[in-house]
Amino acid sequence: MPTIAFTRALERFLPAPTVEVSGTTLGEALAAVFAERPALRGYVLDDQGALRRHVAVFVNGELVRDRTGLSDPVGARDEIHVFQALSGG
């Protein structure tokens, strides 16, 4: 099963532990996490279900391509990392 790790910055707001999930696409893997931890969804996805503007997701070190449909494939041993970009002056 793929593993999803969230940036530690999310821990300031709510628990976001690294978890193993089922799914063959990024969208399915994220949906499995959000089923268990629904509060995380709002930090990662916008109201249309796309990745938020300041969220970067990598699968095995590669930036995901489909930020809207979340159709990037994930395999059983893949590592997914979800980061929130830092901004400010």
PDB file of N, CA and C in Angstrom:
ATOM      1  N   MET A   1       0.832  -1.180   0.000  1.00  0.00           N
ATOM      2  CA  MET A   1       0.000   0.000   0.000  1.00  0.00           C
ATOM      3  C   MET A   1       0.883   1.252   0.000  1.00  0.00           C
ATOM      4  N   PRO A   2       0.447   2.297  -0.718  1.00  0.00           N
ATOM      5  CA  PRO A   2       1.220   3.542  -0.708  1.00  0.00           C
ATOM      6  C   PRO A   2       1.239   4.167   0.688  1.00  0.00           C
ATOM      7  N   THR A   3       2.284   4.928   0.950  1.00  0.00           N
ATOM      8  CA  THR A   3       2.431   5.652   2.211  1.00  0.00           C
ATOM      9  C   THR A   3       2.291   7.141   1.931  1.00  0.00           C
ATOM     10  N   ILE A   4       1.501   7.830   2.762  1.00  0.00           N
ATOM     11  CA  ILE A   4       1.348   9.280   2.635  1.00  0.00           C
ATOM     12  C   ILE A   4       1.913   9.934   3.882  1.00  0.00           C
ATOM     13  N   ALA A   5       2.833  10.885   3.663  1.00  0.00           N
ATOM     14  CA  ALA A   5       3.416  11.659   4.754  1.00  0.00           C
ATOM     15  C   ALA A   5       3.058  13.128   4.535  1.00  0.00           C
ATOM     16  N   PHE A   6       2.616  13.770   5.601  1.00  0.00           N
ATOM     17  CA  PHE A   6       2.252  15.179   5.542  1.00  0.00           C
ATOM     18  C   PHE A   6       3.333  16.023   6.196  1.00  0.00           C
ATOM     19  N   THR A   7       3.479  17.248   5.721  1.00  0.00           N
ATOM     20  CA  THR A   7       4.457  18.157   6.287  1.00  0.00           C
ATOM     21  C   THR A   7       4.191  18.368   7.776  1.00  0.00           C
ATOM     22  N   ARG A   8       5.220  18.527   8.532  1.00  0.00           N
ATOM     23  CA  ARG A   8       5.088  18.729   9.978  1.00  0.00           C
ATOM     24  C   ARG A   8       4.374  20.042  10.287  1.00  0.00           C
ATOM     25  N   ALA A   9       4.362  20.974   9.343  1.00  0.00           N
ATOM     26  CA  ALA A   9       3.683  22.252   9.568  1.00  0.00           C
ATOM     27  C   ALA A   9       2.194  22.049   9.850  1.00  0.00           C
ATOM     28  N   LEU A  10       1.601  21.014   9.294  1.00  0.00           N
ATOM     29  CA  LEU A  10       0.185  20.734   9.547  1.00  0.00           C
ATOM     30  C   LEU A  10      -0.064  20.336  10.996  1.00  0.00           C
ATOM     31  N   GLU A  11       0.946  19.800  11.649  1.00  0.00           N
ATOM     32  CA  GLU A  11       0.802  19.361  13.034  1.00  0.00           C
ATOM     33  C   GLU A  11       0.459  20.530  13.966  1.00  0.00           C
ATOM     34  N   ARG A  12       0.718  21.763  13.526  1.00  0.00           N
ATOM     35  CA  ARG A  12       0.343  22.921  14.334  1.00  0.00           C
ATOM     36  C   ARG A  12      -1.169  23.035  14.441  1.00  0.00           C
ATOM     37  N   PHE A  13      -1.881  22.513  13.440  1.00  0.00           N
ATOM     38  CA  PHE A  13      -3.323  22.676  13.360  1.00  0.00           C
ATOM     39  C   PHE A  13      -4.106  21.412  13.718  1.00  0.00           C
ATOM     40  N   LEU A  14      -3.592  20.258  13.337  1.00  0.00           N
ATOM     41  CA  LEU A  14      -4.291  19.002  13.589  1.00  0.00           C
ATOM     42  C   LEU A  14      -3.341  17.834  13.366  1.00  0.00           C
ATOM     43  N   PRO A  15      -3.666  16.675  13.944  1.00  0.00           N
ATOM     44  CA  PRO A  15      -2.799  15.506  13.747  1.00  0.00           C
ATOM     45  C   PRO A  15      -2.760  15.095  12.263  1.00  0.00           C
ATOM     46  N   ALA A  16      -1.553  14.867  11.769  1.00  0.00           N
ATOM     47  CA  ALA A  16      -1.380  14.452  10.373  1.00  0.00           C
ATOM     48  C   ALA A  16      -0.260  13.418  10.292  1.00  0.00           C
ATOM     49  N   PRO A  17      -0.486  12.248  10.892  1.00  0.00           N
ATOM     50  CA  PRO A  17       0.570  11.225  10.903  1.00  0.00           C
ATOM     51  C   PRO A  17       0.770  10.596   9.522  1.00  0.00           C
ATOM     52  N   THR A  18       1.923  10.016   9.341  1.00  0.00           N
ATOM     53  CA  THR A  18       2.200   9.232   8.141  1.00  0.00           C
ATOM     54  C   THR A  18       1.345   7.964   8.201  1.00  0.00           C
ATOM     55  N   VAL A  19       0.692   7.649   7.088  1.00  0.00           N
ATOM     56  CA  VAL A  19      -0.206   6.499   7.058  1.00  0.00           C
ATOM     57  C   VAL A  19      -0.032   5.691   5.782  1.00  0.00           C
ATOM     58  N   GLU A  20      -0.357   4.405   5.855  1.00  0.00           N
ATOM     59  CA  GLU A  20      -0.450   3.554   4.673  1.00  0.00           C
ATOM     60  C   GLU A  20      -1.906   3.506   4.263  1.00  0.00           C
ATOM     61  N   VAL A  21      -2.151   3.646   2.956  1.00  0.00           N
ATOM     62  CA  VAL A  21      -3.528   3.687   2.457  1.00  0.00           C
ATOM     63  C   VAL A  21      -3.654   2.819   1.213  1.00  0.00           C
ATOM     64  N   SER A  22      -4.889   2.541   0.845  1.00  0.00           N
ATOM     65  CA  SER A  22      -5.120   1.838  -0.413  1.00  0.00           C
ATOM     66  C   SER A  22      -5.398   2.882  -1.486  1.00  0.00           C
ATOM     67  N   GLY A  23      -5.255   2.483  -2.730  1.00  0.00           N
ATOM     68  CA  GLY A  23      -5.533   3.371  -3.848  1.00  0.00           C
ATOM     69  C   GLY A  23      -4.521   3.187  -4.958  1.00  0.00           C
ATOM     70  N   THR A  24      -4.968   3.413  -6.184  1.00  0.00           N
ATOM     71  CA  THR A  24      -4.084   3.291  -7.341  1.00  0.00           C
ATOM     72  C   THR A  24      -3.821   4.637  -7.999  1.00  0.00           C
ATOM     73  N   THR A  25      -4.506   5.688  -7.514  1.00  0.00           N
ATOM     74  CA  THR A  25      -4.241   7.052  -7.986  1.00  0.00           C
ATOM     75  C   THR A  25      -4.035   7.942  -6.766  1.00  0.00           C
ATOM     76  N   LEU A  26      -3.470   9.105  -6.996  1.00  0.00           N
ATOM     77  CA  LEU A  26      -3.292  10.050  -5.903  1.00  0.00           C
ATOM     78  C   LEU A  26      -4.635  10.391  -5.278  1.00  0.00           C
ATOM     79  N   GLY A  27      -5.654  10.608  -6.097  1.00  0.00           N
ATOM     80  CA  GLY A  27      -6.976  10.947  -5.589  1.00  0.00           C
ATOM     81  C   GLY A  27      -7.545   9.866  -4.682  1.00  0.00           C
ATOM     82  N   GLU A  28      -7.400   8.612  -5.068  1.00  0.00           N
ATOM     83  CA  GLU A  28      -7.903   7.505  -4.250  1.00  0.00           C
ATOM     84  C   GLU A  28      -7.139   7.416  -2.931  1.00  0.00           C
ATOM     85  N   ALA A  29      -5.825   7.609  -2.990  1.00  0.00           N
ATOM     86  CA  ALA A  29      -5.011   7.542  -1.777  1.00  0.00           C
ATOM     87  C   ALA A  29      -5.389   8.670  -0.817  1.00  0.00           C
ATOM     88  N   LEU A  30      -5.541   9.886  -1.344  1.00  0.00           N
ATOM     89  CA  LEU A  30      -5.935  11.003  -0.490  1.00  0.00           C
ATOM     90  C   LEU A  30      -7.331  10.790   0.081  1.00  0.00           C
ATOM     91  N   ALA A  31      -8.246  10.281  -0.730  1.00  0.00           N
ATOM     92  CA  ALA A  31      -9.607  10.021  -0.254  1.00  0.00           C
ATOM     93  C   ALA A  31      -9.596   9.046   0.920  1.00  0.00           C
ATOM     94  N   ALA A  32      -8.716   8.063   0.882  1.00  0.00           N
ATOM     95  CA  ALA A  32      -8.615   7.105   1.987  1.00  0.00           C
ATOM     96  C   ALA A  32      -8.155   7.800   3.266  1.00  0.00           C
ATOM     97  N   VAL A  33      -7.222   8.732   3.140  1.00  0.00           N
ATOM     98  CA  VAL A  33      -6.767   9.488   4.311  1.00  0.00           C
ATOM     99  C   VAL A  33      -7.897  10.360   4.839  1.00  0.00           C
ATOM    100  N   PHE A  34      -8.582  11.069   3.926  1.00  0.00           N
ATOM    101  CA  PHE A  34      -9.635  11.994   4.347  1.00  0.00           C
ATOM    102  C   PHE A  34     -10.832  11.266   4.946  1.00  0.00           C
ATOM    103  N   ALA A  35     -11.039  10.010   4.572  1.00  0.00           N
ATOM    104  CA  ALA A  35     -12.120   9.225   5.178  1.00  0.00           C
ATOM    105  C   ALA A  35     -11.852   9.015   6.670  1.00  0.00           C
ATOM    106  N   GLU A  36     -10.580   8.870   7.018  1.00  0.00           N
ATOM    107  CA  GLU A  36     -10.188   8.680   8.416  1.00  0.00           C
ATOM    108  C   GLU A  36      -9.962   9.999   9.145  1.00  0.00           C
ATOM    109  N   ARG A  37      -9.513  11.009   8.420  1.00  0.00           N
ATOM    110  CA  ARG A  37      -9.185  12.316   9.004  1.00  0.00           C
ATOM    111  C   ARG A  37      -9.766  13.430   8.124  1.00  0.00           C
ATOM    112  N   PRO A  38     -11.084  13.626   8.168  1.00  0.00           N
ATOM    113  CA  PRO A  38     -11.740  14.580   7.271  1.00  0.00           C
ATOM    114  C   PRO A  38     -11.253  16.017   7.410  1.00  0.00           C
ATOM    115  N   ALA A  39     -10.764  16.411   8.569  1.00  0.00           N
ATOM    116  CA  ALA A  39     -10.298  17.784   8.752  1.00  0.00           C
ATOM    117  C   ALA A  39      -9.077  18.105   7.884  1.00  0.00           C
ATOM    118  N   LEU A  40      -8.303  17.105   7.513  1.00  0.00           N
ATOM    119  CA  LEU A  40      -7.131  17.330   6.655  1.00  0.00           C
ATOM    120  C   LEU A  40      -7.513  17.798   5.258  1.00  0.00           C
ATOM    121  N   ARG A  41      -8.675  17.394   4.789  1.00  0.00           N
ATOM    122  CA  ARG A  41      -9.088  17.696   3.412  1.00  0.00           C
ATOM    123  C   ARG A  41      -9.020  19.196   3.113  1.00  0.00           C
ATOM    124  N   GLY A  42      -9.525  20.007   3.993  1.00  0.00           N
ATOM    125  CA  GLY A  42      -9.556  21.447   3.774  1.00  0.00           C
ATOM    126  C   GLY A  42      -8.188  22.096   3.715  1.00  0.00           C
ATOM    127  N   TYR A  43      -7.192  21.468   4.300  1.00  0.00           N
ATOM    128  CA  TYR A  43      -5.837  21.996   4.241  1.00  0.00           C
ATOM    129  C   TYR A  43      -5.127  21.596   2.954  1.00  0.00           C
ATOM    130  N   VAL A  44      -5.582  20.524   2.323  1.00  0.00           N
ATOM    131  CA  VAL A  44      -4.907  19.993   1.137  1.00  0.00           C
ATOM    132  C   VAL A  44      -5.655  20.336  -0.160  1.00  0.00           C
ATOM    133  N   LEU A  45      -6.994  20.203  -0.135  1.00  0.00           N
ATOM    134  CA  LEU A  45      -7.798  20.400  -1.344  1.00  0.00           C
ATOM    135  C   LEU A  45      -8.673  21.640  -1.232  1.00  0.00           C
ATOM    136  N   ASP A  46      -8.964  22.242  -2.385  1.00  0.00           N
ATOM    137  CA  ASP A  46      -9.891  23.373  -2.397  1.00  0.00           C
ATOM    138  C   ASP A  46     -11.327  22.848  -2.480  1.00  0.00           C
ATOM    139  N   ASP A  47     -12.287  23.752  -2.599  1.00  0.00           N
ATOM    140  CA  ASP A  47     -13.687  23.335  -2.604  1.00  0.00           C
ATOM    141  C   ASP A  47     -14.105  22.609  -3.875  1.00  0.00           C
ATOM    142  N   GLN A  48     -13.263  22.597  -4.902  1.00  0.00           N
ATOM    143  CA  GLN A  48     -13.528  21.856  -6.129  1.00  0.00           C
ATOM    144  C   GLN A  48     -12.848  20.488  -6.146  1.00  0.00           C
ATOM    145  N   GLY A  49     -12.060  20.200  -5.096  1.00  0.00           N
ATOM    146  CA  GLY A  49     -11.378  18.916  -5.008  1.00  0.00           C
ATOM    147  C   GLY A  49      -9.993  18.901  -5.627  1.00  0.00           C
ATOM    148  N   ALA A  50      -9.486  20.064  -6.041  1.00  0.00           N
ATOM    149  CA  ALA A  50      -8.139  20.169  -6.611  1.00  0.00           C
ATOM    150  C   ALA A  50      -7.159  20.527  -5.492  1.00  0.00           C
ATOM    151  N   LEU A  51      -5.872  20.276  -5.746  1.00  0.00           N
ATOM    152  CA  LEU A  51      -4.866  20.668  -4.760  1.00  0.00           C
ATOM    153  C   LEU A  51      -4.892  22.178  -4.576  1.00  0.00           C
ATOM    154  N   ARG A  52      -4.795  22.610  -3.348  1.00  0.00           N
ATOM    155  CA  ARG A  52      -4.724  24.044  -3.067  1.00  0.00           C
ATOM    156  C   ARG A  52      -3.482  24.631  -3.716  1.00  0.00           C
ATOM    157  N   ARG A  53      -3.553  25.908  -4.002  1.00  0.00           N
ATOM    158  CA  ARG A  53      -2.491  26.604  -4.721  1.00  0.00           C
ATOM    159  C   ARG A  53      -1.122  26.451  -4.055  1.00  0.00           C
ATOM    160  N   HIS A  54      -1.083  26.507  -2.744  1.00  0.00           N
ATOM    161  CA  HIS A  54       0.192  26.464  -2.029  1.00  0.00           C
ATOM    162  C   HIS A  54       0.506  25.088  -1.440  1.00  0.00           C
ATOM    163  N   VAL A  55      -0.041  24.053  -2.072  1.00  0.00           N
ATOM    164  CA  VAL A  55       0.253  22.676  -1.649  1.00  0.00           C
ATOM    165  C   VAL A  55       1.020  21.991  -2.782  1.00  0.00           C
ATOM    166  N   ALA A  56       2.107  21.341  -2.420  1.00  0.00           N
ATOM    167  CA  ALA A  56       2.884  20.565  -3.388  1.00  0.00           C
ATOM    168  C   ALA A  56       2.846  19.103  -2.959  1.00  0.00           C
ATOM    169  N   VAL A  57       2.610  18.215  -3.924  1.00  0.00           N
ATOM    170  CA  VAL A  57       2.570  16.782  -3.635  1.00  0.00           C
ATOM    171  C   VAL A  57       3.581  16.085  -4.546  1.00  0.00           C
ATOM    172  N   PHE A  58       4.367  15.215  -3.942  1.00  0.00           N
ATOM    173  CA  PHE A  58       5.380  14.453  -4.661  1.00  0.00           C
ATOM    174  C   PHE A  58       5.100  12.967  -4.484  1.00  0.00           C
ATOM    175  N   VAL A  59       5.239  12.211  -5.555  1.00  0.00           N
ATOM    176  CA  VAL A  59       5.161  10.752  -5.503  1.00  0.00           C
ATOM    177  C   VAL A  59       6.553  10.245  -5.850  1.00  0.00           C
ATOM    178  N   ASN A  60       7.188   9.593  -4.896  1.00  0.00           N
ATOM    179  CA  ASN A  60       8.561   9.101  -5.069  1.00  0.00           C
ATOM    180  C   ASN A  60       9.505  10.201  -5.540  1.00  0.00           C
ATOM    181  N   GLY A  61       9.340  11.399  -4.992  1.00  0.00           N
ATOM    182  CA  GLY A  61      10.228  12.508  -5.312  1.00  0.00           C
ATOM    183  C   GLY A  61       9.878  13.273  -6.570  1.00  0.00           C
ATOM    184  N   GLU A  62       8.843  12.858  -7.282  1.00  0.00           N
ATOM    185  CA  GLU A  62       8.418  13.537  -8.519  1.00  0.00           C
ATOM    186  C   GLU A  62       7.162  14.351  -8.240  1.00  0.00           C
ATOM    187  N   LEU A  63       7.181  15.620  -8.636  1.00  0.00           N
ATOM    188  CA  LEU A  63       6.027  16.484  -8.467  1.00  0.00           C
ATOM    189  C   LEU A  63       4.856  15.936  -9.273  1.00  0.00           C
ATOM    190  N   VAL A  64       3.662  15.863  -8.657  1.00  0.00           N
ATOM    191  CA  VAL A  64       2.502  15.342  -9.372  1.00  0.00           C
ATOM    192  C   VAL A  64       2.136  16.278 -10.516  1.00  0.00           C
ATOM    193  N   ARG A  65       1.572  15.718 -11.564  1.00  0.00           N
ATOM    194  CA  ARG A  65       1.230  16.498 -12.752  1.00  0.00           C
ATOM    195  C   ARG A  65      -0.218  16.948 -12.759  1.00  0.00           C
ATOM    196  N   ASP A  66      -1.108  16.096 -12.294  1.00  0.00           N
ATOM    197  CA  ASP A  66      -2.540  16.392 -12.356  1.00  0.00           C
ATOM    198  C   ASP A  66      -3.015  16.970 -11.022  1.00  0.00           C
ATOM    199  N   ARG A  67      -2.934  18.279 -10.893  1.00  0.00           N
ATOM    200  CA  ARG A  67      -3.324  18.958  -9.652  1.00  0.00           C
ATOM    201  C   ARG A  67      -4.836  19.081  -9.518  1.00  0.00           C
ATOM    202  N   THR A  68      -5.567  18.895 -10.614  1.00  0.00           N
ATOM    203  CA  THR A  68      -7.021  19.057 -10.597  1.00  0.00           C
ATOM    204  C   THR A  68      -7.737  17.727 -10.424  1.00  0.00           C
ATOM    205  N   GLY A  69      -7.437  16.758 -11.279  1.00  0.00           N
ATOM    206  CA  GLY A  69      -8.110  15.461 -11.242  1.00  0.00           C
ATOM    207  C   GLY A  69      -7.459  14.452 -10.325  1.00  0.00           C
ATOM    208  N   LEU A  70      -6.215  14.737  -9.902  1.00  0.00           N
ATOM    209  CA  LEU A  70      -5.463  13.860  -8.995  1.00  0.00           C
ATOM    210  C   LEU A  70      -5.341  12.436  -9.535  1.00  0.00           C
ATOM    211  N   SER A  71      -5.143  12.345 -10.849  1.00  0.00           N
ATOM    212  CA  SER A  71      -5.119  11.040 -11.509  1.00  0.00           C
ATOM    213  C   SER A  71      -3.731  10.407 -11.594  1.00  0.00           C
ATOM    214  N   ASP A  72      -2.708  11.054 -11.051  1.00  0.00           N
ATOM    215  CA  ASP A  72      -1.372  10.460 -11.099  1.00  0.00           C
ATOM    216  C   ASP A  72      -1.415   9.073 -10.457  1.00  0.00           C
ATOM    217  N   PRO A  73      -0.833   8.068 -11.119  1.00  0.00           N
ATOM    218  CA  PRO A  73      -0.874   6.710 -10.563  1.00  0.00           C
ATOM    219  C   PRO A  73       0.054   6.566  -9.361  1.00  0.00           C
ATOM    220  N   VAL A  74      -0.347   5.716  -8.430  1.00  0.00           N
ATOM    221  CA  VAL A  74       0.511   5.366  -7.302  1.00  0.00           C
ATOM    222  C   VAL A  74       0.530   3.849  -7.172  1.00  0.00           C
ATOM    223  N   GLY A  75       1.683   3.347  -6.805  1.00  0.00           N
ATOM    224  CA  GLY A  75       1.847   1.906  -6.649  1.00  0.00           C
ATOM    225  C   GLY A  75       1.894   1.504  -5.190  1.00  0.00           C
ATOM    226  N   ALA A  76       1.922   0.230  -4.970  1.00  0.00           N
ATOM    227  CA  ALA A  76       1.841  -0.331  -3.623  1.00  0.00           C
ATOM    228  C   ALA A  76       3.001   0.094  -2.725  1.00  0.00           C
ATOM    229  N   ARG A  77       4.147   0.385  -3.281  1.00  0.00           N
ATOM    230  CA  ARG A  77       5.312   0.747  -2.470  1.00  0.00           C
ATOM    231  C   ARG A  77       5.690   2.216  -2.606  1.00  0.00           C
ATOM    232  N   ASP A  78       4.811   3.004  -3.210  1.00  0.00           N
ATOM    233  CA  ASP A  78       5.126   4.413  -3.444  1.00  0.00           C
ATOM    234  C   ASP A  78       5.027   5.239  -2.170  1.00  0.00           C
ATOM    235  N   GLU A  79       5.834   6.306  -2.142  1.00  0.00           N
ATOM    236  CA  GLU A  79       5.810   7.252  -1.039  1.00  0.00           C
ATOM    237  C   GLU A  79       5.265   8.573  -1.562  1.00  0.00           C
ATOM    238  N   ILE A  80       4.216   9.049  -0.918  1.00  0.00           N
ATOM    239  CA  ILE A  80       3.573  10.306  -1.284  1.00  0.00           C
ATOM    240  C   ILE A  80       3.872  11.309  -0.177  1.00  0.00           C
ATOM    241  N   HIS A  81       4.381  12.474  -0.569  1.00  0.00           N
ATOM    242  CA  HIS A  81       4.684  13.525   0.400  1.00  0.00           C
ATOM    243  C   HIS A  81       3.854  14.752   0.074  1.00  0.00           C
ATOM    244  N   VAL A  82       3.135  15.256   1.088  1.00  0.00           N
ATOM    245  CA  VAL A  82       2.274  16.415   0.926  1.00  0.00           C
ATOM    246  C   VAL A  82       2.898  17.570   1.715  1.00  0.00           C
ATOM    247  N   PHE A  83       3.213  18.661   0.998  1.00  0.00           N
ATOM    248  CA  PHE A  83       3.858  19.832   1.605  1.00  0.00           C
ATOM    249  C   PHE A  83       2.982  21.062   1.408  1.00  0.00           C
ATOM    250  N   GLN A  84       3.001  21.933   2.392  1.00  0.00           N
ATOM    251  CA  GLN A  84       2.414  23.244   2.228  1.00  0.00           C
ATOM    252  C   GLN A  84       3.557  24.210   2.018  1.00  0.00           C
ATOM    253  N   ALA A  85       3.481  24.980   0.931  1.00  0.00           N
ATOM    254  CA  ALA A  85       4.529  25.947   0.643  1.00  0.00           C
ATOM    255  C   ALA A  85       4.463  27.070   1.664  1.00  0.00           C
ATOM    256  N   LEU A  86       5.630  27.561   2.035  1.00  0.00           N
ATOM    257  CA  LEU A  86       5.690  28.704   2.926  1.00  0.00           C
ATOM    258  C   LEU A  86       5.753  29.965   2.082  1.00  0.00           C
ATOM    259  N   SER A  87       5.058  30.983   2.513  1.00  0.00           N
ATOM    260  CA  SER A  87       5.085  32.247   1.780  1.00  0.00           C
ATOM    261  C   SER A  87       5.169  33.372   2.785  1.00  0.00           C
ATOM    262  N   GLY A  88       5.469  34.516   2.278  1.00  0.00           N
ATOM    263  CA  GLY A  88       5.570  35.682   3.134  1.00  0.00           C
ATOM    264  C   GLY A  88       6.796  36.492   2.787  1.00  0.00           C
ATOM    265  N   GLY A  89       7.016  37.532   3.511  1.00  0.00           N
ATOM    266  CA  GLY A  89       8.093  38.453   3.152  1.00  0.00           C
ATOM    267  C   GLY A  89       9.175  38.537   4.142  1.00  0.00           C
TER     268      GLY A  89
END
